[in-house]
């Protein structure tokens, strides 16, 4: 199964790298402009469950990596004990300078909270997203808090050192 899907992906899409590992995982490295098309293709092939969307900050390379993990609903429902679940991992890198990528909510509606979280914590914008509103944080940050150049110590000093100490009164 993996070998035929790998061949099909490589013949349909230019400039991608597909790695088939022995642990029931197929990893696809693609250009940012291909992500939506590849994800739609994989969904049409039966990988209809978006398990996770995540981001990695490669600060030295001045890139973010977006990671999409797909599985099959039917495979989960019909899973027998000897068969391992197949994971498809699709990755792309984008610039840290102006981090933008097209939303995939039209393909996988459950990507909506993942993209909101990534926007809020990494500052990556998803073009066409229906509502990139804050999901977790109560305030805005100059540098989003999950970026590697976010200074946690400075943040703690700035926020918590300004809080006055409350002393207990003697009873």
C-alpha atoms as a PDB file:
ATOM      1  CA  UNK A   1       0.000   0.000   0.000  1.00  0.00           C
ATOM      2  CA  UNK A   2       2.705   2.440   0.957  1.00  0.00           C
ATOM      3  CA  UNK A   3       4.819   1.810  -2.123  1.00  0.00           C
ATOM      4  CA  UNK A   4       1.936   2.394  -4.561  1.00  0.00           C
ATOM      5  CA  UNK A   5       0.831   5.571  -2.758  1.00  0.00           C
ATOM      6  CA  UNK A   6       4.419   6.797  -2.658  1.00  0.00           C
ATOM      7  CA  UNK A   7       4.782   6.215  -6.409  1.00  0.00           C
ATOM      8  CA  UNK A   8       1.453   7.912  -7.121  1.00  0.00           C
ATOM      9  CA  UNK A   9       2.391  10.983  -5.069  1.00  0.00           C
ATOM     10  CA  UNK A  10       5.820  11.273  -6.695  1.00  0.00           C
ATOM     11  CA  UNK A  11       4.375  10.971 -10.203  1.00  0.00           C
ATOM     12  CA  UNK A  12       1.561  13.492  -9.600  1.00  0.00           C
ATOM     13  CA  UNK A  13       3.442  16.222  -7.707  1.00  0.00           C
ATOM     14  CA  UNK A  14       6.720  17.841  -8.665  1.00  0.00           C
ATOM     15  CA  UNK A  15       9.385  18.744  -6.123  1.00  0.00           C
ATOM     16  CA  UNK A  16       8.153  16.548  -3.292  1.00  0.00           C
ATOM     17  CA  UNK A  17      10.050  14.030  -1.222  1.00  0.00           C
ATOM     18  CA  UNK A  18       8.200  10.957   0.037  1.00  0.00           C
ATOM     19  CA  UNK A  19       9.801   8.761   2.671  1.00  0.00           C
ATOM     20  CA  UNK A  20       8.298   5.376   3.484  1.00  0.00           C
ATOM     21  CA  UNK A  21       9.397   4.092   6.870  1.00  0.00           C
ATOM     22  CA  UNK A  22       8.924   0.620   8.289  1.00  0.00           C
ATOM     23  CA  UNK A  23       6.725   1.863  11.115  1.00  0.00           C
ATOM     24  CA  UNK A  24       3.542   2.343   9.038  1.00  0.00           C
ATOM     25  CA  UNK A  25       4.327   5.955   8.375  1.00  0.00           C
ATOM     26  CA  UNK A  26       4.643   7.800   5.099  1.00  0.00           C
ATOM     27  CA  UNK A  27       6.167  11.280   5.286  1.00  0.00           C
ATOM     28  CA  UNK A  28       5.681  13.799   2.490  1.00  0.00           C
ATOM     29  CA  UNK A  29       7.823  16.934   2.269  1.00  0.00           C
ATOM     30  CA  UNK A  30       6.219  19.481  -0.057  1.00  0.00           C
ATOM     31  CA  UNK A  31       6.351  23.106  -1.132  1.00  0.00           C
ATOM     32  CA  UNK A  32       3.891  25.417   0.625  1.00  0.00           C
ATOM     33  CA  UNK A  33       2.009  26.033  -2.636  1.00  0.00           C
ATOM     34  CA  UNK A  34       1.244  22.301  -2.923  1.00  0.00           C
ATOM     35  CA  UNK A  35      -0.084  21.649   0.582  1.00  0.00           C
ATOM     36  CA  UNK A  36      -3.801  22.175  -0.089  1.00  0.00           C
ATOM     37  CA  UNK A  37      -3.740  20.120  -3.286  1.00  0.00           C
ATOM     38  CA  UNK A  38      -1.796  17.272  -1.676  1.00  0.00           C
ATOM     39  CA  UNK A  39      -4.054  17.199   1.383  1.00  0.00           C
ATOM     40  CA  UNK A  40      -7.164  17.114  -0.837  1.00  0.00           C
ATOM     41  CA  UNK A  41      -5.612  14.314  -2.905  1.00  0.00           C
ATOM     42  CA  UNK A  42      -4.844  12.296   0.238  1.00  0.00           C
ATOM     43  CA  UNK A  43      -8.328  12.878   1.633  1.00  0.00           C
ATOM     44  CA  UNK A  44      -9.792  11.607  -1.658  1.00  0.00           C
ATOM     45  CA  UNK A  45      -7.549   8.530  -1.289  1.00  0.00           C
ATOM     46  CA  UNK A  46      -9.219   7.712   2.021  1.00  0.00           C
ATOM     47  CA  UNK A  47      -7.021   9.586   4.498  1.00  0.00           C
ATOM     48  CA  UNK A  48     -10.073  11.406   5.753  1.00  0.00           C
ATOM     49  CA  UNK A  49      -9.079  12.086   9.357  1.00  0.00           C
ATOM     50  CA  UNK A  50      -6.865  15.063  10.160  1.00  0.00           C
ATOM     51  CA  UNK A  51      -5.359  13.903  13.439  1.00  0.00           C
ATOM     52  CA  UNK A  52      -3.159  16.913  14.137  1.00  0.00           C
ATOM     53  CA  UNK A  53      -1.705  20.136  12.774  1.00  0.00           C
ATOM     54  CA  UNK A  54       1.388  21.444  14.484  1.00  0.00           C
ATOM     55  CA  UNK A  55       4.271  23.848  13.968  1.00  0.00           C
ATOM     56  CA  UNK A  56       7.992  23.708  14.624  1.00  0.00           C
ATOM     57  CA  UNK A  57      10.191  26.783  14.901  1.00  0.00           C
ATOM     58  CA  UNK A  58      13.503  26.283  13.068  1.00  0.00           C
ATOM     59  CA  UNK A  59      14.919  29.628  14.200  1.00  0.00           C
ATOM     60  CA  UNK A  60      18.453  29.038  12.870  1.00  0.00           C
ATOM     61  CA  UNK A  61      17.035  28.375   9.402  1.00  0.00           C
ATOM     62  CA  UNK A  62      14.558  31.266   9.697  1.00  0.00           C
ATOM     63  CA  UNK A  63      11.706  28.863   8.901  1.00  0.00           C
ATOM     64  CA  UNK A  64       8.596  27.396  10.438  1.00  0.00           C
ATOM     65  CA  UNK A  65       7.608  23.862   9.618  1.00  0.00           C
ATOM     66  CA  UNK A  66       3.911  22.995   9.446  1.00  0.00           C
ATOM     67  CA  UNK A  67       3.133  19.346  10.138  1.00  0.00           C
ATOM     68  CA  UNK A  68      -0.157  17.693   9.147  1.00  0.00           C
ATOM     69  CA  UNK A  69      -0.904  14.152  10.350  1.00  0.00           C
ATOM     70  CA  UNK A  70      -3.591  12.126   8.560  1.00  0.00           C
ATOM     71  CA  UNK A  71      -5.140   8.716   9.163  1.00  0.00           C
ATOM     72  CA  UNK A  72      -8.179   6.836   7.899  1.00  0.00           C
ATOM     73  CA  UNK A  73     -11.443   6.637   9.813  1.00  0.00           C
ATOM     74  CA  UNK A  74     -12.310   3.273   8.275  1.00  0.00           C
ATOM     75  CA  UNK A  75      -8.910   1.860   9.167  1.00  0.00           C
ATOM     76  CA  UNK A  76      -9.531   2.832  12.796  1.00  0.00           C
ATOM     77  CA  UNK A  77     -13.017   1.304  12.812  1.00  0.00           C
ATOM     78  CA  UNK A  78     -11.906  -1.959  11.179  1.00  0.00           C
ATOM     79  CA  UNK A  79      -8.508  -2.216  12.833  1.00  0.00           C
ATOM     80  CA  UNK A  80      -7.549  -5.750  13.695  1.00  0.00           C
ATOM     81  CA  UNK A  81      -4.888  -6.564  16.261  1.00  0.00           C
ATOM     82  CA  UNK A  82      -2.171  -7.557  13.788  1.00  0.00           C
ATOM     83  CA  UNK A  83      -2.533  -4.501  11.569  1.00  0.00           C
ATOM     84  CA  UNK A  84      -0.927  -1.216  12.541  1.00  0.00           C
ATOM     85  CA  UNK A  85      -2.597   2.086  11.798  1.00  0.00           C
ATOM     86  CA  UNK A  86      -1.100   4.003   8.859  1.00  0.00           C
ATOM     87  CA  UNK A  87      -0.027   7.590   9.487  1.00  0.00           C
ATOM     88  CA  UNK A  88       0.554  10.049   6.690  1.00  0.00           C
ATOM     89  CA  UNK A  89       2.653  13.026   7.707  1.00  0.00           C
ATOM     90  CA  UNK A  90       2.752  16.022   5.377  1.00  0.00           C
ATOM     91  CA  UNK A  91       5.313  18.735   6.068  1.00  0.00           C
ATOM     92  CA  UNK A  92       6.145  22.097   4.578  1.00  0.00           C
ATOM     93  CA  UNK A  93       8.385  24.976   5.579  1.00  0.00           C
ATOM     94  CA  UNK A  94       7.556  28.659   5.406  1.00  0.00           C
ATOM     95  CA  UNK A  95       9.519  31.806   6.133  1.00  0.00           C
ATOM     96  CA  UNK A  96       9.622  33.255   9.660  1.00  0.00           C
ATOM     97  CA  UNK A  97       9.755  36.746   8.156  1.00  0.00           C
ATOM     98  CA  UNK A  98       6.178  36.753   6.876  1.00  0.00           C
ATOM     99  CA  UNK A  99       4.705  33.456   8.039  1.00  0.00           C
ATOM    100  CA  UNK A 100       1.591  32.793   5.974  1.00  0.00           C
ATOM    101  CA  UNK A 101      -0.048  29.720   4.559  1.00  0.00           C
ATOM    102  CA  UNK A 102      -3.417  28.996   2.996  1.00  0.00           C
ATOM    103  CA  UNK A 103      -5.984  27.584   5.403  1.00  0.00           C
ATOM    104  CA  UNK A 104      -7.061  23.972   4.984  1.00  0.00           C
ATOM    105  CA  UNK A 105     -10.396  24.396   6.785  1.00  0.00           C
ATOM    106  CA  UNK A 106     -12.192  23.903   3.463  1.00  0.00           C
ATOM    107  CA  UNK A 107     -10.649  20.438   3.193  1.00  0.00           C
ATOM    108  CA  UNK A 108     -10.609  19.486   6.866  1.00  0.00           C
ATOM    109  CA  UNK A 109     -13.014  21.608   8.941  1.00  0.00           C
ATOM    110  CA  UNK A 110     -11.446  20.279  12.148  1.00  0.00           C
ATOM    111  CA  UNK A 111      -8.248  22.192  11.249  1.00  0.00           C
ATOM    112  CA  UNK A 112      -9.963  25.372  12.490  1.00  0.00           C
ATOM    113  CA  UNK A 113      -8.840  25.228  16.166  1.00  0.00           C
ATOM    114  CA  UNK A 114      -5.373  23.930  15.236  1.00  0.00           C
ATOM    115  CA  UNK A 115      -4.795  26.877  12.908  1.00  0.00           C
ATOM    116  CA  UNK A 116      -6.091  29.310  15.544  1.00  0.00           C
ATOM    117  CA  UNK A 117      -3.717  27.844  18.108  1.00  0.00           C
ATOM    118  CA  UNK A 118      -0.736  28.014  15.744  1.00  0.00           C
ATOM    119  CA  UNK A 119      -1.629  31.580  14.802  1.00  0.00           C
ATOM    120  CA  UNK A 120      -1.837  32.618  18.435  1.00  0.00           C
ATOM    121  CA  UNK A 121       1.246  30.795  19.725  1.00  0.00           C
ATOM    122  CA  UNK A 122       3.587  31.085  16.702  1.00  0.00           C
ATOM    123  CA  UNK A 123       2.194  34.079  14.797  1.00  0.00           C
ATOM    124  CA  UNK A 124       1.572  32.118  11.595  1.00  0.00           C
ATOM    125  CA  UNK A 125      -1.291  33.539   9.569  1.00  0.00           C
ATOM    126  CA  UNK A 126      -3.670  31.248   7.659  1.00  0.00           C
ATOM    127  CA  UNK A 127      -5.071  33.017   4.611  1.00  0.00           C
ATOM    128  CA  UNK A 128      -8.806  32.472   4.211  1.00  0.00           C
ATOM    129  CA  UNK A 129      -9.320  31.170   7.744  1.00  0.00           C
ATOM    130  CA  UNK A 130     -12.885  31.931   8.936  1.00  0.00           C
ATOM    131  CA  UNK A 131     -11.819  33.357  12.330  1.00  0.00           C
ATOM    132  CA  UNK A 132      -8.270  33.714  13.550  1.00  0.00           C
ATOM    133  CA  UNK A 133      -9.334  34.876  16.998  1.00  0.00           C
ATOM    134  CA  UNK A 134      -7.449  34.125  20.228  1.00  0.00           C
ATOM    135  CA  UNK A 135      -8.007  30.661  21.600  1.00  0.00           C
ATOM    136  CA  UNK A 136      -5.922  30.571  24.804  1.00  0.00           C
ATOM    137  CA  UNK A 137      -4.101  33.783  25.591  1.00  0.00           C
ATOM    138  CA  UNK A 138      -5.527  36.801  27.379  1.00  0.00           C
ATOM    139  CA  UNK A 139      -3.089  39.370  26.040  1.00  0.00           C
ATOM    140  CA  UNK A 140      -1.084  40.080  22.909  1.00  0.00           C
ATOM    141  CA  UNK A 141       2.667  39.606  22.757  1.00  0.00           C
ATOM    142  CA  UNK A 142       5.327  41.338  20.666  1.00  0.00           C
ATOM    143  CA  UNK A 143       6.755  37.902  19.959  1.00  0.00           C
ATOM    144  CA  UNK A 144       4.333  34.958  20.116  1.00  0.00           C
ATOM    145  CA  UNK A 145       5.173  32.785  23.139  1.00  0.00           C
ATOM    146  CA  UNK A 146       6.012  29.515  21.351  1.00  0.00           C
ATOM    147  CA  UNK A 147       8.657  31.065  19.126  1.00  0.00           C
ATOM    148  CA  UNK A 148      12.179  30.224  20.140  1.00  0.00           C
ATOM    149  CA  UNK A 149      13.125  33.909  20.389  1.00  0.00           C
ATOM    150  CA  UNK A 150      10.425  34.575  23.005  1.00  0.00           C
ATOM    151  CA  UNK A 151      12.246  35.507  26.232  1.00  0.00           C
ATOM    152  CA  UNK A 152      10.340  33.744  29.002  1.00  0.00           C
ATOM    153  CA  UNK A 153      12.499  35.185  31.786  1.00  0.00           C
ATOM    154  CA  UNK A 154      11.983  38.744  30.584  1.00  0.00           C
ATOM    155  CA  UNK A 155       8.248  38.133  30.275  1.00  0.00           C
ATOM    156  CA  UNK A 156       8.045  36.813  33.857  1.00  0.00           C
ATOM    157  CA  UNK A 157      10.052  39.784  35.152  1.00  0.00           C
ATOM    158  CA  UNK A 158       7.942  42.316  33.221  1.00  0.00           C
ATOM    159  CA  UNK A 159       4.614  40.837  34.292  1.00  0.00           C
ATOM    160  CA  UNK A 160       5.146  39.403  37.738  1.00  0.00           C
ATOM    161  CA  UNK A 161       7.767  41.743  39.190  1.00  0.00           C
ATOM    162  CA  UNK A 162       5.248  44.580  38.943  1.00  0.00           C
ATOM    163  CA  UNK A 163       2.737  42.801  41.177  1.00  0.00           C
ATOM    164  CA  UNK A 164       2.999  44.143  44.735  1.00  0.00           C
ATOM    165  CA  UNK A 165       3.699  41.708  47.505  1.00  0.00           C
ATOM    166  CA  UNK A 166       0.840  41.266  49.939  1.00  0.00           C
ATOM    167  CA  UNK A 167       2.051  40.751  53.455  1.00  0.00           C
ATOM    168  CA  UNK A 168      -0.032  38.958  56.031  1.00  0.00           C
ATOM    169  CA  UNK A 169      -1.040  40.898  59.109  1.00  0.00           C
ATOM    170  CA  UNK A 170      -0.261  39.521  62.526  1.00  0.00           C
ATOM    171  CA  UNK A 171      -3.306  38.121  64.207  1.00  0.00           C
END
